[in-house]
Amino acid sequence: MTQSHKNKTLATFVATVFGSLGLHRFYLKGFQDIWGWLHFATLPISMLLYLFFRQNQQVAFLFGPLIISGLVAVIESLVIGLTPDEKWDAQYNANSGRQSNSSWFVVLLVVLTLGVGAIALIGSIARTFDLLFTGGAYG
């Protein structure tokens, strides 16, 4: 039985842009993937936390599950993008009959993801320390 060919560039792009929703997990492993559903579940959980507790808490803490999911998606995007083509084909394209040939676009996506992920991580750490130690006095 021939399986569909999984494109590493597309998987890296989807993980970079829509990773916090788990779409890259659904692309790679299908809708039965539990980790994809956990990524997706962070959106309604964050919305419910916001609706019920927005008067009592800082908004950054209410969107914590979605922020954590986004940071995990950044790591997953880096892992997908940096996987060698041979290992990628062995894991996802064993029966597809085609071989992957990644271009420089994957490298650009990895560099972009690393930059955005570093900014998001530093911003999350800074905001958390601001909220914990000053009660949000700086914004």
N, C-alpha and C. Protein backbone atom coordinates (compact mmCIF):
# COMPACT_ATOMS: atom_id res chain seq x y z
N MET A 1 0.84 -1.18 0.00
CA MET A 1 0.00 0.00 0.00
C MET A 1 0.89 1.24 0.00
N THR A 2 0.60 2.17 -0.89
CA THR A 2 1.37 3.40 -1.01
C THR A 2 0.73 4.48 -0.13
N GLN A 3 1.55 5.12 0.66
CA GLN A 3 1.06 6.22 1.49
C GLN A 3 1.39 7.54 0.81
N SER A 4 0.70 8.59 1.23
CA SER A 4 0.95 9.90 0.64
C SER A 4 2.30 10.43 1.11
N HIS A 5 2.93 11.20 0.24
CA HIS A 5 4.25 11.76 0.53
C HIS A 5 4.09 12.97 1.44
N LYS A 6 4.80 13.00 2.56
CA LYS A 6 4.76 14.12 3.50
C LYS A 6 5.90 15.07 3.19
N ASN A 7 5.56 16.30 2.87
CA ASN A 7 6.54 17.31 2.50
C ASN A 7 7.11 17.96 3.76
N LYS A 8 8.42 17.91 3.92
CA LYS A 8 9.08 18.46 5.11
C LYS A 8 8.96 19.98 5.15
N THR A 9 9.06 20.64 4.00
CA THR A 9 8.94 22.09 3.96
C THR A 9 7.55 22.53 4.40
N LEU A 10 6.52 21.86 3.89
CA LEU A 10 5.15 22.19 4.28
C LEU A 10 4.92 21.90 5.76
N ALA A 11 5.44 20.80 6.26
CA ALA A 11 5.28 20.47 7.68
C ALA A 11 5.96 21.52 8.56
N THR A 12 7.13 21.98 8.15
CA THR A 12 7.83 23.01 8.92
C THR A 12 7.05 24.32 8.89
N PHE A 13 6.52 24.69 7.73
CA PHE A 13 5.74 25.92 7.60
C PHE A 13 4.47 25.86 8.46
N VAL A 14 3.76 24.74 8.38
CA VAL A 14 2.53 24.60 9.16
C VAL A 14 2.84 24.62 10.66
N ALA A 15 3.94 23.98 11.06
CA ALA A 15 4.32 24.00 12.48
C ALA A 15 4.70 25.40 12.92
N THR A 16 5.32 26.18 12.05
CA THR A 16 5.72 27.54 12.40
C THR A 16 4.50 28.46 12.52
N VAL A 17 3.58 28.37 11.57
CA VAL A 17 2.46 29.31 11.52
C VAL A 17 1.27 28.85 12.36
N PHE A 18 0.91 27.57 12.25
CA PHE A 18 -0.28 27.05 12.93
C PHE A 18 0.05 26.01 13.98
N GLY A 19 1.26 26.04 14.50
CA GLY A 19 1.71 25.01 15.43
C GLY A 19 0.94 24.95 16.72
N SER A 20 0.53 26.09 17.25
CA SER A 20 -0.18 26.08 18.53
C SER A 20 -1.57 25.47 18.41
N LEU A 21 -2.06 25.29 17.19
CA LEU A 21 -3.33 24.61 16.97
C LEU A 21 -3.16 23.12 16.68
N GLY A 22 -1.92 22.68 16.52
CA GLY A 22 -1.65 21.27 16.28
C GLY A 22 -1.84 20.81 14.85
N LEU A 23 -1.98 21.73 13.90
CA LEU A 23 -2.24 21.33 12.52
C LEU A 23 -1.08 20.54 11.92
N HIS A 24 0.14 20.82 12.34
CA HIS A 24 1.28 20.07 11.82
C HIS A 24 1.22 18.61 12.28
N ARG A 25 0.74 18.37 13.49
CA ARG A 25 0.60 17.00 13.99
C ARG A 25 -0.47 16.25 13.19
N PHE A 26 -1.56 16.94 12.85
CA PHE A 26 -2.61 16.31 12.06
C PHE A 26 -2.12 16.01 10.65
N TYR A 27 -1.29 16.90 10.09
CA TYR A 27 -0.73 16.67 8.76
C TYR A 27 0.19 15.45 8.76
N LEU A 28 1.01 15.33 9.79
CA LEU A 28 1.99 14.25 9.81
C LEU A 28 1.42 12.92 10.27
N LYS A 29 0.55 12.92 11.27
CA LYS A 29 0.11 11.66 11.87
C LYS A 29 -1.38 11.39 11.76
N GLY A 30 -2.14 12.34 11.24
CA GLY A 30 -3.57 12.13 11.10
C GLY A 30 -4.34 12.63 12.31
N PHE A 31 -5.66 12.50 12.23
CA PHE A 31 -6.52 13.05 13.27
C PHE A 31 -6.58 12.20 14.53
N GLN A 32 -5.95 11.04 14.53
CA GLN A 32 -5.93 10.21 15.73
C GLN A 32 -4.78 10.57 16.67
N ASP A 33 -3.97 11.56 16.33
CA ASP A 33 -2.81 11.95 17.14
C ASP A 33 -3.25 12.71 18.38
N ILE A 34 -2.95 12.16 19.55
CA ILE A 34 -3.38 12.76 20.82
C ILE A 34 -2.68 14.08 21.08
N TRP A 35 -1.41 14.22 20.69
CA TRP A 35 -0.69 15.47 20.93
C TRP A 35 -1.25 16.60 20.07
N GLY A 36 -1.71 16.29 18.88
CA GLY A 36 -2.36 17.31 18.05
C GLY A 36 -3.63 17.82 18.70
N TRP A 37 -4.41 16.91 19.27
CA TRP A 37 -5.64 17.33 19.95
C TRP A 37 -5.34 18.11 21.22
N LEU A 38 -4.25 17.78 21.91
CA LEU A 38 -3.87 18.56 23.09
C LEU A 38 -3.46 19.98 22.70
N HIS A 39 -2.73 20.10 21.58
CA HIS A 39 -2.41 21.44 21.08
C HIS A 39 -3.70 22.21 20.78
N PHE A 40 -4.61 21.56 20.08
CA PHE A 40 -5.86 22.20 19.68
C PHE A 40 -6.72 22.57 20.89
N ALA A 41 -6.68 21.75 21.94
CA ALA A 41 -7.51 21.99 23.12
C ALA A 41 -7.08 23.22 23.90
N THR A 42 -5.85 23.69 23.69
CA THR A 42 -5.41 24.87 24.44
C THR A 42 -6.16 26.13 24.05
N LEU A 43 -6.68 26.19 22.82
CA LEU A 43 -7.42 27.38 22.40
C LEU A 43 -8.74 27.53 23.16
N PRO A 44 -9.62 26.51 23.18
CA PRO A 44 -10.85 26.69 23.96
C PRO A 44 -10.60 26.79 25.47
N ILE A 45 -9.56 26.10 25.97
CA ILE A 45 -9.24 26.21 27.40
C ILE A 45 -8.86 27.65 27.74
N SER A 46 -8.02 28.24 26.91
CA SER A 46 -7.61 29.63 27.15
C SER A 46 -8.78 30.59 27.03
N MET A 47 -9.67 30.35 26.08
CA MET A 47 -10.85 31.21 25.94
C MET A 47 -11.77 31.09 27.15
N LEU A 48 -11.97 29.86 27.64
CA LEU A 48 -12.81 29.69 28.83
C LEU A 48 -12.18 30.34 30.06
N LEU A 49 -10.89 30.20 30.22
CA LEU A 49 -10.21 30.87 31.33
C LEU A 49 -10.38 32.38 31.23
N TYR A 50 -10.27 32.91 30.02
CA TYR A 50 -10.42 34.35 29.82
C TYR A 50 -11.85 34.80 30.15
N LEU A 51 -12.85 34.04 29.69
CA LEU A 51 -14.23 34.43 29.92
C LEU A 51 -14.62 34.41 31.40
N PHE A 52 -14.12 33.42 32.14
CA PHE A 52 -14.55 33.27 33.53
C PHE A 52 -13.68 34.01 34.55
N PHE A 53 -12.42 34.27 34.22
CA PHE A 53 -11.52 34.82 35.23
C PHE A 53 -10.86 36.13 34.82
N ARG A 54 -11.35 36.80 33.80
CA ARG A 54 -10.64 37.99 33.31
C ARG A 54 -10.66 39.14 34.30
N GLN A 55 -11.63 39.22 35.19
CA GLN A 55 -11.64 40.31 36.17
C GLN A 55 -10.66 40.06 37.31
N ASN A 56 -10.34 38.81 37.58
CA ASN A 56 -9.53 38.48 38.75
C ASN A 56 -8.06 38.26 38.46
N GLN A 57 -7.70 37.98 37.23
CA GLN A 57 -6.33 37.59 36.90
C GLN A 57 -5.76 38.48 35.80
N GLN A 58 -4.45 38.44 35.68
CA GLN A 58 -3.80 39.08 34.55
C GLN A 58 -4.06 38.24 33.31
N VAL A 59 -4.27 38.88 32.19
CA VAL A 59 -4.63 38.19 30.95
C VAL A 59 -3.51 37.24 30.50
N ALA A 60 -2.26 37.58 30.77
CA ALA A 60 -1.15 36.72 30.34
C ALA A 60 -1.23 35.35 30.97
N PHE A 61 -1.68 35.26 32.22
CA PHE A 61 -1.81 33.96 32.86
C PHE A 61 -2.99 33.18 32.29
N LEU A 62 -4.03 33.87 31.86
CA LEU A 62 -5.20 33.18 31.33
C LEU A 62 -4.91 32.52 29.98
N PHE A 63 -4.01 33.10 29.21
CA PHE A 63 -3.64 32.51 27.93
C PHE A 63 -2.40 31.64 28.05
N GLY A 64 -2.05 31.25 29.26
CA GLY A 64 -0.88 30.41 29.50
C GLY A 64 -0.87 29.11 28.72
N PRO A 65 -1.99 28.35 28.69
CA PRO A 65 -1.97 27.11 27.92
C PRO A 65 -1.68 27.33 26.43
N LEU A 66 -2.24 28.39 25.86
CA LEU A 66 -2.00 28.68 24.45
C LEU A 66 -0.56 29.13 24.22
N ILE A 67 -0.01 29.90 25.14
CA ILE A 67 1.38 30.35 25.02
C ILE A 67 2.33 29.17 25.12
N ILE A 68 2.08 28.27 26.07
CA ILE A 68 2.93 27.08 26.20
C ILE A 68 2.83 26.21 24.95
N SER A 69 1.62 26.06 24.42
CA SER A 69 1.45 25.29 23.18
C SER A 69 2.22 25.92 22.03
N GLY A 70 2.22 27.24 21.96
CA GLY A 70 2.97 27.93 20.90
C GLY A 70 4.47 27.73 21.04
N LEU A 71 4.98 27.78 22.27
CA LEU A 71 6.41 27.57 22.47
C LEU A 71 6.81 26.13 22.17
N VAL A 72 5.96 25.17 22.51
CA VAL A 72 6.23 23.77 22.16
C VAL A 72 6.20 23.60 20.64
N ALA A 73 5.29 24.29 19.98
CA ALA A 73 5.21 24.21 18.52
C ALA A 73 6.46 24.78 17.86
N VAL A 74 7.06 25.79 18.46
CA VAL A 74 8.32 26.33 17.94
C VAL A 74 9.41 25.26 17.99
N ILE A 75 9.49 24.56 19.11
CA ILE A 75 10.48 23.49 19.23
C ILE A 75 10.20 22.38 18.22
N GLU A 76 8.93 22.01 18.06
CA GLU A 76 8.58 20.98 17.09
C GLU A 76 8.92 21.42 15.67
N SER A 77 8.70 22.68 15.36
CA SER A 77 9.04 23.19 14.04
C SER A 77 10.53 23.12 13.79
N LEU A 78 11.32 23.45 14.80
CA LEU A 78 12.78 23.35 14.66
C LEU A 78 13.21 21.90 14.47
N VAL A 79 12.61 20.99 15.20
CA VAL A 79 12.95 19.57 15.06
C VAL A 79 12.58 19.07 13.67
N ILE A 80 11.41 19.44 13.19
CA ILE A 80 10.98 19.01 11.85
C ILE A 80 11.91 19.58 10.79
N GLY A 81 12.20 20.87 10.88
CA GLY A 81 13.03 21.52 9.87
C GLY A 81 14.47 21.04 9.86
N LEU A 82 15.00 20.66 11.02
CA LEU A 82 16.39 20.24 11.10
C LEU A 82 16.59 18.74 10.93
N THR A 83 15.52 17.99 10.76
CA THR A 83 15.64 16.55 10.53
C THR A 83 16.24 16.31 9.15
N PRO A 84 17.28 15.48 9.05
CA PRO A 84 17.84 15.17 7.72
C PRO A 84 16.80 14.49 6.82
N ASP A 85 16.91 14.73 5.52
CA ASP A 85 15.93 14.18 4.58
C ASP A 85 15.85 12.66 4.65
N GLU A 86 16.97 11.99 4.84
CA GLU A 86 16.97 10.53 4.88
C GLU A 86 16.17 10.02 6.09
N LYS A 87 16.39 10.65 7.23
CA LYS A 87 15.65 10.26 8.43
C LYS A 87 14.17 10.61 8.29
N TRP A 88 13.89 11.76 7.67
CA TRP A 88 12.51 12.18 7.43
C TRP A 88 11.78 11.15 6.56
N ASP A 89 12.44 10.74 5.47
CA ASP A 89 11.82 9.76 4.58
C ASP A 89 11.62 8.42 5.27
N ALA A 90 12.56 8.02 6.11
CA ALA A 90 12.42 6.75 6.82
C ALA A 90 11.26 6.80 7.82
N GLN A 91 11.02 7.96 8.41
CA GLN A 91 9.97 8.06 9.41
C GLN A 91 8.59 8.32 8.80
N TYR A 92 8.49 9.20 7.82
CA TYR A 92 7.18 9.62 7.31
C TYR A 92 6.89 9.17 5.89
N ASN A 93 7.89 8.84 5.10
CA ASN A 93 7.69 8.51 3.69
C ASN A 93 8.24 7.15 3.33
N ALA A 94 8.18 6.20 4.25
CA ALA A 94 8.77 4.89 3.99
C ALA A 94 8.11 4.17 2.81
N ASN A 95 6.81 4.31 2.65
CA ASN A 95 6.09 3.60 1.59
C ASN A 95 5.54 4.54 0.52
N SER A 96 6.05 5.75 0.43
CA SER A 96 5.49 6.69 -0.53
C SER A 96 6.07 6.54 -1.93
N GLY A 97 7.24 5.94 -2.04
CA GLY A 97 7.87 5.78 -3.35
C GLY A 97 8.60 7.01 -3.84
N ARG A 98 8.66 8.05 -3.05
CA ARG A 98 9.37 9.28 -3.41
C ARG A 98 10.37 9.62 -2.31
N GLN A 99 11.35 10.44 -2.67
CA GLN A 99 12.33 10.90 -1.69
C GLN A 99 12.21 12.41 -1.53
N SER A 100 12.48 12.87 -0.32
CA SER A 100 12.44 14.31 -0.04
C SER A 100 13.71 14.97 -0.55
N ASN A 101 13.55 16.19 -1.02
CA ASN A 101 14.68 17.00 -1.44
C ASN A 101 14.42 18.43 -0.95
N SER A 102 14.77 18.67 0.30
CA SER A 102 14.50 19.98 0.91
C SER A 102 15.39 21.05 0.30
N SER A 103 14.84 22.23 0.20
CA SER A 103 15.58 23.35 -0.38
C SER A 103 15.97 24.33 0.72
N TRP A 104 16.47 25.47 0.31
CA TRP A 104 16.88 26.50 1.26
C TRP A 104 15.69 27.15 1.96
N PHE A 105 14.51 26.94 1.44
CA PHE A 105 13.34 27.52 2.08
C PHE A 105 13.15 26.95 3.49
N VAL A 106 13.48 25.68 3.68
CA VAL A 106 13.39 25.06 5.01
C VAL A 106 14.36 25.75 5.97
N VAL A 107 15.56 26.04 5.48
CA VAL A 107 16.55 26.72 6.32
C VAL A 107 16.05 28.10 6.72
N LEU A 108 15.46 28.82 5.77
CA LEU A 108 14.91 30.15 6.08
C LEU A 108 13.78 30.05 7.10
N LEU A 109 12.94 29.03 6.97
CA LEU A 109 11.86 28.83 7.94
C LEU A 109 12.42 28.53 9.33
N VAL A 110 13.47 27.72 9.38
CA VAL A 110 14.07 27.38 10.67
C VAL A 110 14.67 28.63 11.32
N VAL A 111 15.36 29.45 10.54
CA VAL A 111 15.95 30.68 11.08
C VAL A 111 14.85 31.63 11.56
N LEU A 112 13.79 31.79 10.77
CA LEU A 112 12.67 32.63 11.16
C LEU A 112 12.00 32.10 12.43
N THR A 113 11.80 30.80 12.48
CA THR A 113 11.18 30.18 13.65
C THR A 113 12.04 30.37 14.90
N LEU A 114 13.34 30.21 14.75
CA LEU A 114 14.24 30.40 15.89
C LEU A 114 14.18 31.83 16.40
N GLY A 115 14.16 32.80 15.50
CA GLY A 115 14.08 34.20 15.91
C GLY A 115 12.77 34.53 16.60
N VAL A 116 11.66 34.11 16.00
CA VAL A 116 10.35 34.38 16.59
C VAL A 116 10.20 33.64 17.91
N GLY A 117 10.68 32.41 17.96
CA GLY A 117 10.60 31.63 19.19
C GLY A 117 11.42 32.24 20.31
N ALA A 118 12.61 32.74 19.99
CA ALA A 118 13.45 33.37 21.01
C ALA A 118 12.78 34.64 21.55
N ILE A 119 12.22 35.44 20.65
CA ILE A 119 11.52 36.65 21.07
C ILE A 119 10.32 36.30 21.95
N ALA A 120 9.55 35.29 21.55
CA ALA A 120 8.38 34.88 22.33
C ALA A 120 8.78 34.34 23.70
N LEU A 121 9.84 33.55 23.75
CA LEU A 121 10.29 33.00 25.03
C LEU A 121 10.80 34.09 25.96
N ILE A 122 11.61 34.99 25.44
CA ILE A 122 12.13 36.09 26.27
C ILE A 122 10.99 36.99 26.73
N GLY A 123 10.04 37.27 25.84
CA GLY A 123 8.89 38.08 26.23
C GLY A 123 8.03 37.41 27.29
N SER A 124 7.83 36.10 27.16
CA SER A 124 7.04 35.37 28.15
C SER A 124 7.73 35.36 29.50
N ILE A 125 9.03 35.15 29.50
CA ILE A 125 9.77 35.15 30.77
C ILE A 125 9.74 36.54 31.41
N ALA A 126 9.94 37.58 30.60
CA ALA A 126 9.93 38.94 31.14
C ALA A 126 8.56 39.31 31.71
N ARG A 127 7.50 38.97 30.99
CA ARG A 127 6.15 39.30 31.46
C ARG A 127 5.81 38.51 32.72
N THR A 128 6.21 37.25 32.78
CA THR A 128 5.94 36.44 33.96
C THR A 128 6.65 37.01 35.19
N PHE A 129 7.91 37.38 35.04
CA PHE A 129 8.62 37.98 36.17
C PHE A 129 8.01 39.32 36.56
N ASP A 130 7.56 40.09 35.59
CA ASP A 130 6.90 41.36 35.90
C ASP A 130 5.64 41.12 36.72
N LEU A 131 4.84 40.15 36.30
CA LEU A 131 3.60 39.88 37.02
C LEU A 131 3.85 39.29 38.40
N LEU A 132 4.83 38.41 38.51
CA LEU A 132 5.08 37.76 39.79
C LEU A 132 5.74 38.67 40.82
N PHE A 133 6.66 39.51 40.38
CA PHE A 133 7.44 40.29 41.34
C PHE A 133 6.95 41.72 41.53
N THR A 134 6.24 42.28 40.56
CA THR A 134 5.77 43.65 40.71
C THR A 134 4.25 43.76 40.62
N GLY A 135 3.58 42.66 40.36
CA GLY A 135 2.13 42.71 40.22
C GLY A 135 1.68 43.36 38.94
N GLY A 136 2.54 43.43 37.96
CA GLY A 136 2.20 44.02 36.67
C GLY A 136 2.39 45.52 36.64
N ALA A 137 3.29 46.04 37.44
CA ALA A 137 3.49 47.48 37.53
C ALA A 137 4.05 48.08 36.24
N TYR A 138 4.68 47.26 35.41
CA TYR A 138 5.28 47.77 34.18
C TYR A 138 4.41 47.48 32.96
N GLY A 139 3.14 47.34 33.11
CA GLY A 139 2.28 47.13 31.97
C GLY A 139 1.31 46.12 32.26
